[in-house]
Amino acid sequence: MDLLSSKRFISITLAILLILNITLLGTLWWQNKQHSDTTDKTASVDKAQKKESFFERKLKLSDEQSRQFNALRQQHFQGTLPALVTISGLKHELVKEALDTEPDTLRIKALSHRIGRIQAYIEYRQAWHFNTLAGVCSAEQRDSLQQVLVSVAAKPVKMKRKLLFKRIRFTPLKQKQDSVSATASESKPDTRSETAVE
């Protein structure tokens, strides 16, 4: 019997060719996927660099100033991150306590005060961060930096305008505090002991 004409040889050859074709197609697909992933990563890096160049555009920073700005911003973020994580955890506890069937008002108050103190610490750090950034700038750049930072700080005012345009009633903070104080004095405070949250 001739080896090339046997059914077994032809079947084995077809199976080998089929496996080789599938392997080749898999390799081509994998290489294409790797290329698209690299393209996506490159696009995201380009986008991140554009965001980082915000101060460059607004303040017309030199390369050295831009490098210092980025280093200072990264340092500030790393220093503030633990406080932000702590606030997130405290807010989680606050929500959990608020949704309890019998919430402990003293614990809610203590958690709120802790969140406020940590937020004040974050604002303090941010003020010194702005001061450090201003130290990198020239006199003209400081004016531009101040305008940029004031516009960023004024975002709540823009939000208030949007709320007013949507006809949503916005109660100023002073009035809110007065109404909360009046409500708190009318209601009987919880007599349970304050849970240690600090």
N, C-alpha and C. Protein backbone atom coordinates (compact mmCIF):
# COMPACT_ATOMS: atom_id res chain seq x y z
N MET A 1 0.84 -1.18 0.00
CA MET A 1 0.00 0.00 0.00
C MET A 1 0.89 1.23 0.00
N ASP A 2 0.55 2.16 -0.85
CA ASP A 2 1.32 3.38 -0.99
C ASP A 2 1.07 4.29 0.21
N LEU A 3 2.16 4.86 0.79
CA LEU A 3 2.07 5.66 2.00
C LEU A 3 1.27 6.94 1.77
N LEU A 4 1.47 7.61 0.62
CA LEU A 4 0.79 8.87 0.34
C LEU A 4 -0.70 8.68 0.07
N SER A 5 -1.09 7.54 -0.38
CA SER A 5 -2.50 7.34 -0.71
C SER A 5 -3.29 6.73 0.46
N SER A 6 -2.62 6.41 1.54
CA SER A 6 -3.36 5.82 2.65
C SER A 6 -4.21 6.87 3.35
N LYS A 7 -5.39 6.44 3.80
CA LYS A 7 -6.33 7.36 4.46
C LYS A 7 -5.77 7.88 5.79
N ARG A 8 -5.05 7.05 6.47
CA ARG A 8 -4.51 7.45 7.76
C ARG A 8 -3.48 8.56 7.59
N PHE A 9 -2.60 8.45 6.63
CA PHE A 9 -1.59 9.47 6.37
C PHE A 9 -2.25 10.80 5.99
N ILE A 10 -3.25 10.74 5.13
CA ILE A 10 -3.95 11.96 4.70
C ILE A 10 -4.66 12.60 5.89
N SER A 11 -5.28 11.81 6.74
CA SER A 11 -5.99 12.34 7.91
C SER A 11 -5.02 13.02 8.88
N ILE A 12 -3.87 12.37 9.11
CA ILE A 12 -2.87 12.95 10.02
C ILE A 12 -2.32 14.24 9.44
N THR A 13 -2.04 14.26 8.15
CA THR A 13 -1.52 15.46 7.49
C THR A 13 -2.52 16.61 7.58
N LEU A 14 -3.80 16.33 7.31
CA LEU A 14 -4.84 17.37 7.41
C LEU A 14 -4.96 17.88 8.85
N ALA A 15 -4.87 17.00 9.82
CA ALA A 15 -4.96 17.41 11.22
C ALA A 15 -3.79 18.32 11.59
N ILE A 16 -2.59 17.94 11.14
CA ILE A 16 -1.40 18.77 11.42
C ILE A 16 -1.54 20.14 10.76
N LEU A 17 -1.98 20.18 9.50
CA LEU A 17 -2.17 21.46 8.80
C LEU A 17 -3.24 22.31 9.49
N LEU A 18 -4.29 21.68 9.95
CA LEU A 18 -5.35 22.40 10.66
C LEU A 18 -4.82 23.02 11.95
N ILE A 19 -4.04 22.23 12.70
CA ILE A 19 -3.45 22.74 13.95
C ILE A 19 -2.49 23.89 13.67
N LEU A 20 -1.68 23.75 12.61
CA LEU A 20 -0.75 24.83 12.25
C LEU A 20 -1.50 26.10 11.84
N ASN A 21 -2.58 25.97 11.08
CA ASN A 21 -3.39 27.13 10.68
C ASN A 21 -4.00 27.83 11.90
N ILE A 22 -4.55 27.03 12.81
CA ILE A 22 -5.16 27.62 14.01
C ILE A 22 -4.10 28.33 14.84
N THR A 23 -2.92 27.72 14.96
CA THR A 23 -1.82 28.35 15.70
C THR A 23 -1.40 29.65 15.04
N LEU A 24 -1.29 29.67 13.73
CA LEU A 24 -0.91 30.87 13.00
C LEU A 24 -1.95 31.97 13.18
N LEU A 25 -3.23 31.61 13.06
CA LEU A 25 -4.29 32.62 13.26
C LEU A 25 -4.27 33.15 14.69
N GLY A 26 -4.05 32.27 15.67
CA GLY A 26 -3.97 32.72 17.06
C GLY A 26 -2.81 33.67 17.29
N THR A 27 -1.67 33.36 16.69
CA THR A 27 -0.49 34.23 16.82
C THR A 27 -0.75 35.60 16.20
N LEU A 28 -1.34 35.61 15.01
CA LEU A 28 -1.66 36.88 14.35
C LEU A 28 -2.65 37.70 15.19
N TRP A 29 -3.67 37.04 15.73
CA TRP A 29 -4.65 37.74 16.56
C TRP A 29 -3.99 38.32 17.81
N TRP A 30 -3.11 37.53 18.46
CA TRP A 30 -2.43 37.98 19.67
C TRP A 30 -1.54 39.19 19.39
N GLN A 31 -0.79 39.14 18.26
CA GLN A 31 0.06 40.27 17.91
C GLN A 31 -0.76 41.52 17.63
N ASN A 32 -1.88 41.36 16.97
CA ASN A 32 -2.75 42.49 16.68
C ASN A 32 -3.30 43.08 17.98
N LYS A 33 -3.71 42.23 18.91
CA LYS A 33 -4.23 42.69 20.19
C LYS A 33 -3.16 43.42 20.97
N GLN A 34 -1.93 42.90 21.00
CA GLN A 34 -0.83 43.56 21.69
C GLN A 34 -0.58 44.94 21.10
N HIS A 35 -0.64 45.05 19.79
CA HIS A 35 -0.42 46.34 19.13
C HIS A 35 -1.51 47.33 19.51
N SER A 36 -2.78 46.90 19.54
CA SER A 36 -3.87 47.81 19.90
C SER A 36 -3.78 48.22 21.36
N ASP A 37 -3.36 47.30 22.26
CA ASP A 37 -3.17 47.65 23.67
C ASP A 37 -2.08 48.70 23.82
N THR A 38 -0.99 48.53 23.07
CA THR A 38 0.11 49.51 23.11
C THR A 38 -0.37 50.86 22.60
N THR A 39 -1.19 50.84 21.55
CA THR A 39 -1.73 52.09 21.01
C THR A 39 -2.63 52.77 22.03
N ASP A 40 -3.47 51.98 22.74
CA ASP A 40 -4.34 52.55 23.76
C ASP A 40 -3.52 53.15 24.90
N LYS A 41 -2.45 52.44 25.32
CA LYS A 41 -1.60 52.96 26.40
C LYS A 41 -0.92 54.25 25.96
N THR A 42 -0.45 54.30 24.72
CA THR A 42 0.20 55.50 24.20
C THR A 42 -0.78 56.66 24.18
N ALA A 43 -2.02 56.38 23.77
CA ALA A 43 -3.03 57.43 23.74
C ALA A 43 -3.33 57.94 25.13
N SER A 44 -3.41 57.03 26.12
CA SER A 44 -3.69 57.46 27.50
C SER A 44 -2.52 58.25 28.07
N VAL A 45 -1.27 57.87 27.72
CA VAL A 45 -0.11 58.63 28.18
C VAL A 45 -0.12 60.02 27.56
N ASP A 46 -0.45 60.11 26.26
CA ASP A 46 -0.54 61.42 25.61
C ASP A 46 -1.60 62.28 26.27
N LYS A 47 -2.74 61.67 26.61
CA LYS A 47 -3.81 62.41 27.27
C LYS A 47 -3.36 62.91 28.63
N ALA A 48 -2.64 62.06 29.38
CA ALA A 48 -2.14 62.46 30.70
C ALA A 48 -1.14 63.61 30.57
N GLN A 49 -0.28 63.55 29.54
CA GLN A 49 0.68 64.62 29.34
C GLN A 49 -0.02 65.92 29.00
N LYS A 50 -1.12 65.85 28.25
CA LYS A 50 -1.88 67.06 27.93
C LYS A 50 -2.48 67.67 29.18
N LYS A 51 -2.98 66.82 30.09
CA LYS A 51 -3.53 67.33 31.34
C LYS A 51 -2.43 67.98 32.18
N GLU A 52 -1.25 67.37 32.20
CA GLU A 52 -0.15 67.92 32.97
C GLU A 52 0.33 69.25 32.38
N SER A 53 0.10 69.46 31.10
CA SER A 53 0.58 70.69 30.47
C SER A 53 -0.41 71.85 30.66
N PHE A 54 -1.44 71.66 31.48
CA PHE A 54 -2.41 72.73 31.74
C PHE A 54 -1.71 73.97 32.29
N PHE A 55 -0.85 73.78 33.30
CA PHE A 55 -0.14 74.91 33.88
C PHE A 55 0.87 75.49 32.89
N GLU A 56 1.46 74.63 32.07
CA GLU A 56 2.38 75.12 31.06
C GLU A 56 1.69 76.12 30.14
N ARG A 57 0.48 75.76 29.70
CA ARG A 57 -0.25 76.63 28.78
C ARG A 57 -0.70 77.91 29.47
N LYS A 58 -1.27 77.79 30.65
CA LYS A 58 -1.81 78.96 31.34
C LYS A 58 -0.73 79.91 31.84
N LEU A 59 0.37 79.33 32.35
CA LEU A 59 1.41 80.16 32.97
C LEU A 59 2.63 80.35 32.09
N LYS A 60 2.66 79.66 30.93
CA LYS A 60 3.81 79.72 30.04
C LYS A 60 5.09 79.35 30.80
N LEU A 61 5.07 78.15 31.39
CA LEU A 61 6.20 77.68 32.18
C LEU A 61 7.33 77.20 31.29
N SER A 62 8.55 77.36 31.78
CA SER A 62 9.70 76.79 31.09
C SER A 62 9.73 75.29 31.36
N ASP A 63 10.62 74.57 30.68
CA ASP A 63 10.74 73.13 30.90
C ASP A 63 11.12 72.82 32.34
N GLU A 64 12.06 73.59 32.89
CA GLU A 64 12.49 73.38 34.28
C GLU A 64 11.36 73.66 35.26
N GLN A 65 10.62 74.76 35.02
CA GLN A 65 9.48 75.08 35.89
C GLN A 65 8.41 74.00 35.80
N SER A 66 8.17 73.52 34.60
CA SER A 66 7.18 72.47 34.41
C SER A 66 7.58 71.20 35.16
N ARG A 67 8.86 70.86 35.10
CA ARG A 67 9.35 69.69 35.82
C ARG A 67 9.16 69.87 37.33
N GLN A 68 9.48 71.07 37.84
CA GLN A 68 9.30 71.34 39.27
C GLN A 68 7.83 71.31 39.66
N PHE A 69 6.97 71.87 38.83
CA PHE A 69 5.53 71.86 39.10
C PHE A 69 5.02 70.43 39.22
N ASN A 70 5.40 69.59 38.25
CA ASN A 70 4.93 68.20 38.27
C ASN A 70 5.44 67.46 39.50
N ALA A 71 6.70 67.71 39.88
CA ALA A 71 7.25 67.05 41.07
C ALA A 71 6.52 67.52 42.32
N LEU A 72 6.25 68.81 42.42
CA LEU A 72 5.54 69.35 43.59
C LEU A 72 4.11 68.85 43.65
N ARG A 73 3.46 68.77 42.51
CA ARG A 73 2.07 68.28 42.49
C ARG A 73 2.01 66.81 42.90
N GLN A 74 2.96 66.01 42.42
CA GLN A 74 2.98 64.60 42.79
C GLN A 74 3.26 64.44 44.29
N GLN A 75 4.19 65.24 44.80
CA GLN A 75 4.52 65.19 46.22
C GLN A 75 3.29 65.59 47.06
N HIS A 76 2.58 66.63 46.63
CA HIS A 76 1.39 67.08 47.35
C HIS A 76 0.31 66.00 47.33
N PHE A 77 0.11 65.37 46.19
CA PHE A 77 -0.91 64.33 46.08
C PHE A 77 -0.57 63.16 46.99
N GLN A 78 0.69 62.74 47.00
CA GLN A 78 1.08 61.61 47.85
C GLN A 78 0.93 61.94 49.32
N GLY A 79 1.18 63.20 49.70
CA GLY A 79 1.03 63.60 51.10
C GLY A 79 -0.41 63.73 51.53
N THR A 80 -1.30 64.06 50.59
CA THR A 80 -2.71 64.27 50.91
C THR A 80 -3.53 62.99 50.80
N LEU A 81 -3.04 62.03 50.04
CA LEU A 81 -3.81 60.81 49.79
C LEU A 81 -4.23 60.07 51.06
N PRO A 82 -3.36 59.91 52.07
CA PRO A 82 -3.82 59.21 53.28
C PRO A 82 -5.01 59.91 53.95
N ALA A 83 -5.00 61.24 53.96
CA ALA A 83 -6.12 61.97 54.56
C ALA A 83 -7.40 61.74 53.76
N LEU A 84 -7.30 61.71 52.44
CA LEU A 84 -8.48 61.47 51.61
C LEU A 84 -9.03 60.06 51.83
N VAL A 85 -8.12 59.10 51.99
CA VAL A 85 -8.55 57.72 52.25
C VAL A 85 -9.24 57.64 53.61
N THR A 86 -8.70 58.34 54.60
CA THR A 86 -9.31 58.35 55.93
C THR A 86 -10.70 58.96 55.88
N ILE A 87 -10.86 60.07 55.15
CA ILE A 87 -12.18 60.70 55.02
C ILE A 87 -13.15 59.74 54.36
N SER A 88 -12.70 59.04 53.35
CA SER A 88 -13.57 58.08 52.67
C SER A 88 -14.06 57.01 53.64
N GLY A 89 -13.16 56.49 54.47
CA GLY A 89 -13.55 55.48 55.46
C GLY A 89 -14.52 56.03 56.49
N LEU A 90 -14.27 57.27 56.94
CA LEU A 90 -15.16 57.89 57.92
C LEU A 90 -16.54 58.15 57.34
N LYS A 91 -16.58 58.55 56.08
CA LYS A 91 -17.89 58.77 55.43
C LYS A 91 -18.65 57.46 55.31
N HIS A 92 -17.92 56.38 55.05
CA HIS A 92 -18.56 55.06 54.99
C HIS A 92 -19.19 54.73 56.35
N GLU A 93 -18.44 54.97 57.44
CA GLU A 93 -18.97 54.74 58.78
C GLU A 93 -20.17 55.63 59.07
N LEU A 94 -20.08 56.89 58.61
CA LEU A 94 -21.16 57.85 58.84
C LEU A 94 -22.44 57.41 58.16
N VAL A 95 -22.33 56.97 56.92
CA VAL A 95 -23.51 56.50 56.19
C VAL A 95 -24.08 55.27 56.87
N LYS A 96 -23.21 54.36 57.28
CA LYS A 96 -23.66 53.13 57.94
C LYS A 96 -24.40 53.46 59.22
N GLU A 97 -23.86 54.40 59.99
CA GLU A 97 -24.51 54.79 61.25
C GLU A 97 -25.81 55.52 61.00
N ALA A 98 -25.84 56.37 59.98
CA ALA A 98 -27.05 57.15 59.67
C ALA A 98 -28.19 56.25 59.22
N LEU A 99 -27.87 55.14 58.57
CA LEU A 99 -28.92 54.24 58.08
C LEU A 99 -29.28 53.16 59.08
N ASP A 100 -28.66 53.19 60.25
CA ASP A 100 -29.00 52.23 61.31
C ASP A 100 -30.44 52.50 61.77
N THR A 101 -31.10 51.47 62.27
CA THR A 101 -32.49 51.65 62.72
C THR A 101 -32.58 52.63 63.89
N GLU A 102 -31.58 52.63 64.78
CA GLU A 102 -31.51 53.60 65.86
C GLU A 102 -30.12 54.24 65.83
N PRO A 103 -29.94 55.27 64.99
CA PRO A 103 -28.60 55.84 64.85
C PRO A 103 -28.13 56.54 66.13
N ASP A 104 -26.86 56.42 66.40
CA ASP A 104 -26.24 57.06 67.55
C ASP A 104 -25.85 58.48 67.14
N THR A 105 -26.63 59.46 67.60
CA THR A 105 -26.39 60.84 67.16
C THR A 105 -25.05 61.37 67.63
N LEU A 106 -24.59 60.92 68.80
CA LEU A 106 -23.28 61.38 69.28
C LEU A 106 -22.15 60.83 68.39
N ARG A 107 -22.29 59.60 67.94
CA ARG A 107 -21.29 59.02 67.04
C ARG A 107 -21.32 59.74 65.69
N ILE A 108 -22.52 60.05 65.19
CA ILE A 108 -22.64 60.79 63.93
C ILE A 108 -21.97 62.15 64.06
N LYS A 109 -22.20 62.81 65.19
CA LYS A 109 -21.59 64.13 65.41
C LYS A 109 -20.07 64.01 65.49
N ALA A 110 -19.58 62.99 66.21
CA ALA A 110 -18.13 62.81 66.35
C ALA A 110 -17.48 62.50 64.99
N LEU A 111 -18.12 61.63 64.21
CA LEU A 111 -17.59 61.32 62.87
C LEU A 111 -17.57 62.57 62.00
N SER A 112 -18.64 63.36 62.07
CA SER A 112 -18.71 64.59 61.26
C SER A 112 -17.61 65.56 61.65
N HIS A 113 -17.36 65.70 62.95
CA HIS A 113 -16.30 66.60 63.41
C HIS A 113 -14.93 66.10 62.96
N ARG A 114 -14.73 64.80 63.00
CA ARG A 114 -13.45 64.24 62.55
C ARG A 114 -13.23 64.49 61.06
N ILE A 115 -14.29 64.28 60.27
CA ILE A 115 -14.19 64.55 58.83
C ILE A 115 -13.85 66.02 58.60
N GLY A 116 -14.49 66.90 59.37
CA GLY A 116 -14.23 68.34 59.24
C GLY A 116 -12.80 68.70 59.57
N ARG A 117 -12.25 68.11 60.65
CA ARG A 117 -10.87 68.40 61.02
C ARG A 117 -9.89 67.92 59.96
N ILE A 118 -10.15 66.75 59.42
CA ILE A 118 -9.24 66.23 58.38
C ILE A 118 -9.36 67.07 57.12
N GLN A 119 -10.57 67.51 56.78
CA GLN A 119 -10.75 68.37 55.61
C GLN A 119 -10.03 69.70 55.81
N ALA A 120 -10.07 70.22 57.04
CA ALA A 120 -9.34 71.46 57.34
C ALA A 120 -7.84 71.25 57.15
N TYR A 121 -7.34 70.09 57.56
CA TYR A 121 -5.93 69.75 57.37
C TYR A 121 -5.58 69.71 55.88
N ILE A 122 -6.47 69.13 55.08
CA ILE A 122 -6.24 69.06 53.63
C ILE A 122 -6.18 70.47 53.04
N GLU A 123 -7.10 71.34 53.47
CA GLU A 123 -7.11 72.71 52.96
C GLU A 123 -5.83 73.46 53.37
N TYR A 124 -5.37 73.22 54.59
CA TYR A 124 -4.13 73.83 55.08
C TYR A 124 -2.94 73.39 54.22
N ARG A 125 -2.85 72.07 53.97
CA ARG A 125 -1.77 71.55 53.12
C ARG A 125 -1.85 72.15 51.71
N GLN A 126 -3.09 72.29 51.22
CA GLN A 126 -3.26 72.83 49.87
C GLN A 126 -2.79 74.28 49.79
N ALA A 127 -3.07 75.05 50.83
CA ALA A 127 -2.61 76.45 50.85
C ALA A 127 -1.09 76.52 50.77
N TRP A 128 -0.40 75.67 51.52
CA TRP A 128 1.06 75.67 51.47
C TRP A 128 1.58 75.11 50.15
N HIS A 129 0.82 74.21 49.57
CA HIS A 129 1.19 73.70 48.24
C HIS A 129 1.13 74.84 47.22
N PHE A 130 0.07 75.65 47.29
CA PHE A 130 -0.04 76.81 46.39
C PHE A 130 1.12 77.77 46.60
N ASN A 131 1.51 77.95 47.87
CA ASN A 131 2.62 78.83 48.19
C ASN A 131 3.92 78.30 47.57
N THR A 132 4.11 76.99 47.63
CA THR A 132 5.31 76.37 47.05
C THR A 132 5.31 76.51 45.53
N LEU A 133 4.13 76.31 44.92
CA LEU A 133 4.04 76.49 43.46
C LEU A 133 4.37 77.93 43.08
N ALA A 134 3.88 78.88 43.87
CA ALA A 134 4.15 80.29 43.57
C ALA A 134 5.64 80.60 43.66
N GLY A 135 6.37 79.87 44.51
CA GLY A 135 7.81 80.08 44.62
C GLY A 135 8.57 79.70 43.37
N VAL A 136 7.99 78.84 42.54
CA VAL A 136 8.62 78.43 41.29
C VAL A 136 8.39 79.47 40.19
N CYS A 137 7.33 80.29 40.36
CA CYS A 137 6.90 81.22 39.30
C CYS A 137 7.61 82.56 39.37
N SER A 138 7.63 83.24 38.23
CA SER A 138 8.08 84.63 38.18
C SER A 138 6.93 85.52 38.65
N ALA A 139 7.16 86.82 38.77
CA ALA A 139 6.12 87.74 39.26
C ALA A 139 4.89 87.73 38.34
N GLU A 140 5.11 87.74 37.01
CA GLU A 140 3.98 87.73 36.07
C GLU A 140 3.23 86.39 36.14
N GLN A 141 3.99 85.32 36.29
CA GLN A 141 3.36 84.00 36.37
C GLN A 141 2.55 83.84 37.66
N ARG A 142 2.98 84.51 38.72
CA ARG A 142 2.22 84.44 39.98
C ARG A 142 0.81 85.02 39.80
N ASP A 143 0.72 86.12 39.05
CA ASP A 143 -0.61 86.71 38.80
C ASP A 143 -1.49 85.72 38.04
N SER A 144 -0.92 85.08 37.03
CA SER A 144 -1.68 84.09 36.26
C SER A 144 -2.05 82.89 37.13
N LEU A 145 -1.11 82.47 37.98
CA LEU A 145 -1.38 81.35 38.89
C LEU A 145 -2.53 81.69 39.83
N GLN A 146 -2.51 82.91 40.34
CA GLN A 146 -3.60 83.32 41.24
C GLN A 146 -4.95 83.28 40.52
N GLN A 147 -4.99 83.76 39.28
CA GLN A 147 -6.24 83.73 38.51
C GLN A 147 -6.71 82.29 38.29
N VAL A 148 -5.77 81.39 37.96
CA VAL A 148 -6.13 79.99 37.73
C VAL A 148 -6.67 79.37 39.01
N LEU A 149 -5.97 79.59 40.13
CA LEU A 149 -6.37 78.97 41.39
C LEU A 149 -7.69 79.55 41.90
N VAL A 150 -7.92 80.84 41.69
CA VAL A 150 -9.19 81.45 42.10
C VAL A 150 -10.33 80.87 41.26
N SER A 151 -10.09 80.68 39.96
CA SER A 151 -11.15 80.10 39.11
C SER A 151 -11.46 78.67 39.53
N VAL A 152 -10.44 77.92 39.96
CA VAL A 152 -10.66 76.56 40.44
C VAL A 152 -11.42 76.60 41.77
N ALA A 153 -11.05 77.52 42.65
CA ALA A 153 -11.71 77.63 43.95
C ALA A 153 -13.14 78.14 43.82
N ALA A 154 -13.46 78.82 42.72
CA ALA A 154 -14.80 79.39 42.53
C ALA A 154 -15.78 78.39 41.94
N LYS A 155 -15.40 77.14 41.79
CA LYS A 155 -16.31 76.14 41.22
C LYS A 155 -17.62 76.03 41.99
N PRO A 156 -17.62 76.07 43.35
CA PRO A 156 -18.91 76.01 44.04
C PRO A 156 -19.84 77.16 43.66
N VAL A 157 -19.28 78.34 43.35
CA VAL A 157 -20.11 79.47 42.93
C VAL A 157 -20.76 79.15 41.59
N LYS A 158 -20.00 78.55 40.67
CA LYS A 158 -20.56 78.16 39.38
C LYS A 158 -21.64 77.10 39.58
N MET A 159 -21.42 76.19 40.52
CA MET A 159 -22.42 75.17 40.79
C MET A 159 -23.70 75.82 41.33
N LYS A 160 -23.53 76.83 42.20
CA LYS A 160 -24.69 77.52 42.74
C LYS A 160 -25.49 78.18 41.61
N ARG A 161 -24.78 78.79 40.65
CA ARG A 161 -25.47 79.40 39.51
C ARG A 161 -26.25 78.36 38.72
N LYS A 162 -25.64 77.20 38.49
CA LYS A 162 -26.34 76.14 37.75
C LYS A 162 -27.59 75.71 38.50
N LEU A 163 -27.47 75.59 39.83
CA LEU A 163 -28.63 75.19 40.63
C LEU A 163 -29.73 76.25 40.54
N LEU A 164 -29.32 77.51 40.56
CA LEU A 164 -30.32 78.58 40.47
C LEU A 164 -31.00 78.58 39.11
N PHE A 165 -30.21 78.31 38.06
CA PHE A 165 -30.81 78.26 36.73
C PHE A 165 -31.78 77.10 36.61
N LYS A 166 -31.54 76.03 37.36
CA LYS A 166 -32.44 74.90 37.33
C LYS A 166 -33.59 75.08 38.31
N ARG A 167 -33.65 76.23 38.95
CA ARG A 167 -34.69 76.58 39.93
C ARG A 167 -34.69 75.66 41.14
N ILE A 168 -33.51 75.27 41.54
CA ILE A 168 -33.38 74.48 42.75
C ILE A 168 -33.04 75.46 43.87
N ARG A 169 -33.76 75.35 44.97
CA ARG A 169 -33.55 76.29 46.07
C ARG A 169 -32.21 75.98 46.73
N PHE A 170 -31.41 77.01 46.91
CA PHE A 170 -30.10 76.88 47.51
C PHE A 170 -30.08 77.70 48.79
N THR A 171 -29.95 77.02 49.94
CA THR A 171 -29.93 77.72 51.21
C THR A 171 -28.49 78.04 51.58
N PRO A 172 -28.17 79.32 51.81
CA PRO A 172 -26.80 79.65 52.22
C PRO A 172 -26.42 78.94 53.51
N LEU A 173 -25.14 78.74 53.73
CA LEU A 173 -24.64 77.96 54.85
C LEU A 173 -25.07 78.54 56.19
N LYS A 174 -25.05 79.86 56.34
CA LYS A 174 -25.42 80.51 57.61
C LYS A 174 -26.85 80.14 57.97
N GLN A 175 -27.77 80.23 57.02
CA GLN A 175 -29.17 79.90 57.28
C GLN A 175 -29.31 78.42 57.61
N LYS A 176 -28.55 77.58 56.94
CA LYS A 176 -28.61 76.14 57.22
C LYS A 176 -28.18 75.87 58.65
N GLN A 177 -27.10 76.53 59.11
CA GLN A 177 -26.62 76.31 60.46
C GLN A 177 -27.66 76.77 61.48
N ASP A 178 -28.31 77.92 61.20
CA ASP A 178 -29.34 78.41 62.12
C ASP A 178 -30.51 77.45 62.20
N SER A 179 -30.95 76.92 61.05
CA SER A 179 -32.09 76.00 61.06
C SER A 179 -31.72 74.68 61.72
N VAL A 180 -30.47 74.22 61.54
CA VAL A 180 -30.03 72.99 62.19
C VAL A 180 -29.96 73.20 63.69
N SER A 181 -29.46 74.36 64.13
CA SER A 181 -29.37 74.65 65.56
C SER A 181 -30.76 74.70 66.19
N ALA A 182 -31.71 75.33 65.48
CA ALA A 182 -33.08 75.43 66.00
C ALA A 182 -33.71 74.05 66.10
N THR A 183 -33.51 73.23 65.09
CA THR A 183 -34.06 71.87 65.10
C THR A 183 -33.42 71.04 66.20
N ALA A 184 -32.12 71.19 66.38
CA ALA A 184 -31.41 70.41 67.40
C ALA A 184 -31.85 70.80 68.80
N SER A 185 -32.13 72.11 69.02
CA SER A 185 -32.55 72.53 70.35
C SER A 185 -33.97 72.08 70.66
N GLU A 186 -34.81 71.91 69.62
CA GLU A 186 -36.18 71.45 69.83
C GLU A 186 -36.23 69.97 70.14
N SER A 187 -35.36 69.17 69.49
CA SER A 187 -35.40 67.73 69.68
C SER A 187 -34.54 67.35 70.88
N LYS A 188 -34.94 66.28 71.53
CA LYS A 188 -34.21 65.79 72.70
C LYS A 188 -32.95 65.07 72.22
N PRO A 189 -31.77 65.45 72.74
CA PRO A 189 -30.54 64.79 72.29
C PRO A 189 -30.48 63.36 72.80
N ASP A 190 -29.75 62.55 72.06
CA ASP A 190 -29.57 61.14 72.42
C ASP A 190 -28.71 61.06 73.68
N THR A 191 -29.12 60.24 74.61
CA THR A 191 -28.41 60.15 75.89
C THR A 191 -27.34 59.07 75.90
N ARG A 192 -27.17 58.35 74.77
CA ARG A 192 -26.14 57.33 74.73
C ARG A 192 -24.76 57.96 74.78
N SER A 193 -23.81 57.23 75.28
CA SER A 193 -22.45 57.77 75.41
C SER A 193 -21.80 57.87 74.03
N GLU A 194 -20.89 58.84 73.91
CA GLU A 194 -20.21 59.06 72.65
C GLU A 194 -19.23 57.93 72.40
N THR A 195 -19.32 57.33 71.23
CA THR A 195 -18.43 56.25 70.85
C THR A 195 -17.09 56.85 70.44
N ALA A 196 -16.02 56.24 70.87
CA ALA A 196 -14.70 56.75 70.52
C ALA A 196 -14.45 56.52 69.05
N VAL A 197 -14.23 57.61 68.31
CA VAL A 197 -13.94 57.48 66.88
C VAL A 197 -12.59 58.07 66.53
N GLU A 198 -11.93 58.61 67.50
CA GLU A 198 -10.66 59.23 67.17
C GLU A 198 -9.51 58.31 67.40
